[in-house]
Amino acid sequence: MGSNQPLNSHVCARVPPGLQGLVVTAYSPLGSPDRPFVDPAHPALLANPVLAAIAVARGRTPAQSALRWQVQRGIGVIPKSVTPERIKVRHPGRV
């Protein structure tokens, strides 16, 4: 398929006719800057100034805003993190 995040959402988020009941899922919807094939020139999602401004205006982090954008589009999200602090921020009250 392809990437599905605010800076690169070329994957169709709509389920084709006849396949209702399926949910499109975004794995690593916040990007994976540590993957070996990442292009250093590719913009980092969480460092994007527009996303940062949206987050500040709503009292959220860029990660929370990016995840909400996906959920509001009807996409299931599975964010990846190994940092306990980030996990707590992204899932308040659940850790």
N, C-alpha and C. Protein backbone atom coordinates (compact mmCIF):
# COMPACT_ATOMS: atom_id res chain seq x y z
N MET A 1 0.85 -1.18 0.00
CA MET A 1 0.00 0.00 0.00
C MET A 1 0.89 1.24 0.00
N GLY A 2 0.75 2.05 1.00
CA GLY A 2 1.55 3.27 1.07
C GLY A 2 1.40 3.91 2.41
N SER A 3 1.95 5.08 2.52
CA SER A 3 1.92 5.80 3.78
C SER A 3 0.56 6.46 3.95
N ASN A 4 0.13 6.59 5.19
CA ASN A 4 -1.15 7.24 5.46
C ASN A 4 -0.98 8.09 6.70
N GLN A 5 -0.48 9.30 6.48
CA GLN A 5 -0.31 10.28 7.53
C GLN A 5 -0.52 11.65 6.92
N PRO A 6 -0.69 12.70 7.72
CA PRO A 6 -1.05 14.00 7.17
C PRO A 6 -0.14 14.53 6.06
N LEU A 7 1.15 14.23 6.09
CA LEU A 7 2.05 14.73 5.05
C LEU A 7 2.11 13.83 3.82
N ASN A 8 1.54 12.65 3.91
CA ASN A 8 1.68 11.69 2.81
C ASN A 8 0.52 10.70 2.85
N SER A 9 -0.65 11.17 2.54
CA SER A 9 -1.83 10.30 2.68
C SER A 9 -2.37 9.87 1.33
N HIS A 10 -1.59 9.13 0.58
CA HIS A 10 -2.05 8.70 -0.73
C HIS A 10 -2.80 7.38 -0.71
N VAL A 11 -3.05 6.85 0.46
CA VAL A 11 -3.85 5.63 0.56
C VAL A 11 -5.31 6.04 0.70
N CYS A 12 -6.16 5.41 -0.08
CA CYS A 12 -7.58 5.71 -0.02
C CYS A 12 -8.13 5.31 1.34
N ALA A 13 -8.77 6.25 2.02
CA ALA A 13 -9.30 5.96 3.36
C ALA A 13 -10.74 5.45 3.28
N ARG A 14 -11.27 5.37 2.09
CA ARG A 14 -12.64 4.90 1.94
C ARG A 14 -12.62 3.41 1.58
N VAL A 15 -13.54 2.69 2.14
CA VAL A 15 -13.65 1.27 1.83
C VAL A 15 -14.46 1.16 0.53
N PRO A 16 -13.96 0.39 -0.45
CA PRO A 16 -14.66 0.26 -1.73
C PRO A 16 -16.07 -0.33 -1.57
N PRO A 17 -16.98 0.03 -2.47
CA PRO A 17 -18.33 -0.54 -2.41
C PRO A 17 -18.28 -2.06 -2.38
N GLY A 18 -19.13 -2.67 -1.59
CA GLY A 18 -19.18 -4.12 -1.49
C GLY A 18 -18.28 -4.66 -0.39
N LEU A 19 -17.43 -3.81 0.17
CA LEU A 19 -16.52 -4.25 1.22
C LEU A 19 -16.79 -3.50 2.54
N GLN A 20 -18.00 -2.96 2.69
CA GLN A 20 -18.33 -2.27 3.92
C GLN A 20 -18.13 -3.20 5.11
N GLY A 21 -17.76 -2.64 6.22
CA GLY A 21 -17.47 -3.43 7.39
C GLY A 21 -15.98 -3.59 7.62
N LEU A 22 -15.19 -3.28 6.59
CA LEU A 22 -13.73 -3.32 6.74
C LEU A 22 -13.25 -1.97 7.25
N VAL A 23 -12.18 -1.98 7.98
CA VAL A 23 -11.60 -0.75 8.50
C VAL A 23 -10.17 -0.62 8.00
N VAL A 24 -9.86 0.53 7.43
CA VAL A 24 -8.49 0.81 7.02
C VAL A 24 -7.71 1.10 8.30
N THR A 25 -6.52 0.53 8.42
CA THR A 25 -5.71 0.70 9.62
C THR A 25 -4.36 1.30 9.26
N ALA A 26 -3.94 2.29 10.04
CA ALA A 26 -2.64 2.92 9.84
C ALA A 26 -1.67 2.37 10.89
N TYR A 27 -0.66 1.66 10.44
CA TYR A 27 0.39 1.17 11.32
C TYR A 27 1.51 2.21 11.31
N SER A 28 2.04 2.55 12.46
CA SER A 28 3.06 3.60 12.59
C SER A 28 2.57 4.90 11.95
N PRO A 29 1.38 5.38 12.32
CA PRO A 29 0.81 6.57 11.68
C PRO A 29 1.56 7.85 12.01
N LEU A 30 2.54 7.79 12.90
CA LEU A 30 3.33 8.98 13.22
C LEU A 30 4.67 8.96 12.50
N GLY A 31 4.83 7.99 11.63
CA GLY A 31 6.08 7.86 10.89
C GLY A 31 7.05 6.94 11.61
N SER A 32 8.05 6.55 10.91
CA SER A 32 9.10 5.68 11.46
C SER A 32 10.45 6.22 11.01
N PRO A 33 10.92 7.30 11.64
CA PRO A 33 12.17 7.91 11.18
C PRO A 33 13.39 7.01 11.35
N ASP A 34 13.27 5.95 12.13
CA ASP A 34 14.41 5.07 12.35
C ASP A 34 14.50 3.92 11.36
N ARG A 35 13.56 3.83 10.43
CA ARG A 35 13.62 2.73 9.47
C ARG A 35 14.81 2.94 8.53
N PRO A 36 15.45 1.88 8.10
CA PRO A 36 16.71 1.99 7.35
C PRO A 36 16.58 2.64 5.98
N PHE A 37 15.41 2.61 5.37
CA PHE A 37 15.27 3.14 4.02
C PHE A 37 14.67 4.54 3.97
N VAL A 38 14.59 5.22 5.12
CA VAL A 38 13.99 6.56 5.14
C VAL A 38 14.89 7.55 4.41
N ASP A 39 14.27 8.43 3.66
CA ASP A 39 14.98 9.48 2.94
C ASP A 39 15.20 10.64 3.90
N PRO A 40 16.45 11.02 4.18
CA PRO A 40 16.71 12.11 5.12
C PRO A 40 16.07 13.43 4.69
N ALA A 41 15.77 13.57 3.41
CA ALA A 41 15.14 14.79 2.92
C ALA A 41 13.63 14.78 3.15
N HIS A 42 13.06 13.62 3.46
CA HIS A 42 11.62 13.51 3.70
C HIS A 42 11.28 14.22 5.01
N PRO A 43 10.28 15.08 5.00
CA PRO A 43 9.95 15.83 6.22
C PRO A 43 9.47 14.92 7.35
N ALA A 44 9.90 15.23 8.55
CA ALA A 44 9.46 14.49 9.73
C ALA A 44 8.08 15.01 10.14
N LEU A 45 7.12 14.12 10.22
CA LEU A 45 5.74 14.51 10.53
C LEU A 45 5.64 15.32 11.81
N LEU A 46 6.21 14.84 12.89
CA LEU A 46 6.03 15.48 14.19
C LEU A 46 6.80 16.79 14.33
N ALA A 47 7.66 17.11 13.37
CA ALA A 47 8.38 18.38 13.37
C ALA A 47 7.73 19.39 12.43
N ASN A 48 6.63 19.03 11.81
CA ASN A 48 5.96 19.91 10.85
C ASN A 48 5.38 21.13 11.56
N PRO A 49 5.68 22.36 11.10
CA PRO A 49 5.20 23.56 11.78
C PRO A 49 3.68 23.73 11.74
N VAL A 50 3.04 23.28 10.69
CA VAL A 50 1.57 23.39 10.61
C VAL A 50 0.93 22.47 11.65
N LEU A 51 1.41 21.24 11.72
CA LEU A 51 0.88 20.30 12.72
C LEU A 51 1.15 20.83 14.13
N ALA A 52 2.33 21.40 14.35
CA ALA A 52 2.66 21.96 15.66
C ALA A 52 1.71 23.10 16.02
N ALA A 53 1.39 23.96 15.07
CA ALA A 53 0.49 25.09 15.33
C ALA A 53 -0.93 24.60 15.65
N ILE A 54 -1.38 23.59 14.93
CA ILE A 54 -2.70 23.00 15.21
C ILE A 54 -2.72 22.42 16.61
N ALA A 55 -1.66 21.71 16.97
CA ALA A 55 -1.58 21.09 18.29
C ALA A 55 -1.60 22.14 19.39
N VAL A 56 -0.80 23.20 19.24
CA VAL A 56 -0.75 24.26 20.25
C VAL A 56 -2.11 24.92 20.40
N ALA A 57 -2.78 25.18 19.29
CA ALA A 57 -4.08 25.84 19.33
C ALA A 57 -5.13 25.00 20.07
N ARG A 58 -4.93 23.70 20.09
CA ARG A 58 -5.90 22.82 20.73
C ARG A 58 -5.41 22.25 22.07
N GLY A 59 -4.24 22.70 22.51
CA GLY A 59 -3.70 22.23 23.77
C GLY A 59 -3.30 20.77 23.75
N ARG A 60 -2.81 20.32 22.62
CA ARG A 60 -2.41 18.93 22.44
C ARG A 60 -0.97 18.86 21.93
N THR A 61 -0.45 17.65 21.83
CA THR A 61 0.87 17.47 21.22
C THR A 61 0.67 17.23 19.72
N PRO A 62 1.73 17.41 18.93
CA PRO A 62 1.61 17.08 17.51
C PRO A 62 1.20 15.62 17.29
N ALA A 63 1.70 14.71 18.11
CA ALA A 63 1.33 13.30 17.97
C ALA A 63 -0.16 13.10 18.21
N GLN A 64 -0.69 13.71 19.25
CA GLN A 64 -2.12 13.57 19.53
C GLN A 64 -2.95 14.13 18.39
N SER A 65 -2.53 15.27 17.84
CA SER A 65 -3.27 15.88 16.73
C SER A 65 -3.23 15.02 15.48
N ALA A 66 -2.07 14.43 15.20
CA ALA A 66 -1.95 13.57 14.01
C ALA A 66 -2.81 12.32 14.16
N LEU A 67 -2.83 11.75 15.35
CA LEU A 67 -3.66 10.56 15.58
C LEU A 67 -5.13 10.90 15.46
N ARG A 68 -5.53 12.04 16.00
CA ARG A 68 -6.93 12.45 15.92
C ARG A 68 -7.35 12.65 14.47
N TRP A 69 -6.46 13.22 13.65
CA TRP A 69 -6.76 13.43 12.23
C TRP A 69 -7.11 12.10 11.57
N GLN A 70 -6.33 11.06 11.89
CA GLN A 70 -6.61 9.75 11.32
C GLN A 70 -7.96 9.21 11.79
N VAL A 71 -8.19 9.27 13.08
CA VAL A 71 -9.43 8.73 13.65
C VAL A 71 -10.64 9.47 13.07
N GLN A 72 -10.54 10.79 12.92
CA GLN A 72 -11.66 11.55 12.36
C GLN A 72 -11.93 11.17 10.91
N ARG A 73 -10.96 10.62 10.22
CA ARG A 73 -11.16 10.16 8.85
C ARG A 73 -11.69 8.73 8.81
N GLY A 74 -11.90 8.13 10.00
CA GLY A 74 -12.43 6.78 10.05
C GLY A 74 -11.37 5.70 9.93
N ILE A 75 -10.12 6.07 10.18
CA ILE A 75 -9.01 5.13 10.06
C ILE A 75 -8.61 4.66 11.44
N GLY A 76 -8.44 3.37 11.60
CA GLY A 76 -7.92 2.83 12.86
C GLY A 76 -6.43 3.11 12.94
N VAL A 77 -5.93 3.46 14.10
CA VAL A 77 -4.51 3.78 14.24
C VAL A 77 -3.84 2.85 15.23
N ILE A 78 -2.63 2.45 14.90
CA ILE A 78 -1.82 1.63 15.79
C ILE A 78 -0.46 2.34 15.90
N PRO A 79 -0.38 3.34 16.81
CA PRO A 79 0.89 4.05 16.95
C PRO A 79 1.95 3.17 17.61
N LYS A 80 3.16 3.32 17.13
CA LYS A 80 4.27 2.55 17.67
C LYS A 80 5.13 3.46 18.53
N SER A 81 5.48 3.00 19.71
CA SER A 81 6.41 3.73 20.55
C SER A 81 7.02 2.77 21.55
N VAL A 82 8.25 3.04 21.89
CA VAL A 82 8.92 2.26 22.93
C VAL A 82 9.26 3.15 24.12
N THR A 83 8.90 4.42 24.03
CA THR A 83 9.19 5.38 25.09
C THR A 83 8.00 5.51 26.03
N PRO A 84 8.12 5.11 27.29
CA PRO A 84 6.98 5.17 28.22
C PRO A 84 6.33 6.55 28.31
N GLU A 85 7.12 7.61 28.28
CA GLU A 85 6.54 8.97 28.38
C GLU A 85 5.66 9.28 27.18
N ARG A 86 6.10 8.88 26.00
CA ARG A 86 5.29 9.12 24.80
C ARG A 86 4.00 8.30 24.84
N ILE A 87 4.11 7.09 25.30
CA ILE A 87 2.92 6.24 25.39
C ILE A 87 1.91 6.87 26.34
N LYS A 88 2.36 7.39 27.46
CA LYS A 88 1.46 8.02 28.43
C LYS A 88 0.78 9.25 27.84
N VAL A 89 1.53 10.06 27.08
CA VAL A 89 0.98 11.27 26.48
C VAL A 89 -0.05 10.91 25.40
N ARG A 90 0.24 9.90 24.60
CA ARG A 90 -0.65 9.53 23.50
C ARG A 90 -1.90 8.81 23.96
N HIS A 91 -1.81 8.19 25.12
CA HIS A 91 -2.94 7.43 25.65
C HIS A 91 -3.20 7.79 27.11
N PRO A 92 -3.57 9.05 27.37
CA PRO A 92 -3.75 9.47 28.76
C PRO A 92 -4.82 8.64 29.46
N GLY A 93 -4.52 8.26 30.69
CA GLY A 93 -5.47 7.50 31.49
C GLY A 93 -5.52 6.02 31.19
N ARG A 94 -4.73 5.56 30.23
CA ARG A 94 -4.78 4.14 29.85
C ARG A 94 -3.50 3.39 30.18
N VAL A 95 -2.51 4.10 30.68
CA VAL A 95 -1.24 3.43 30.99
C VAL A 95 -1.02 3.46 32.48
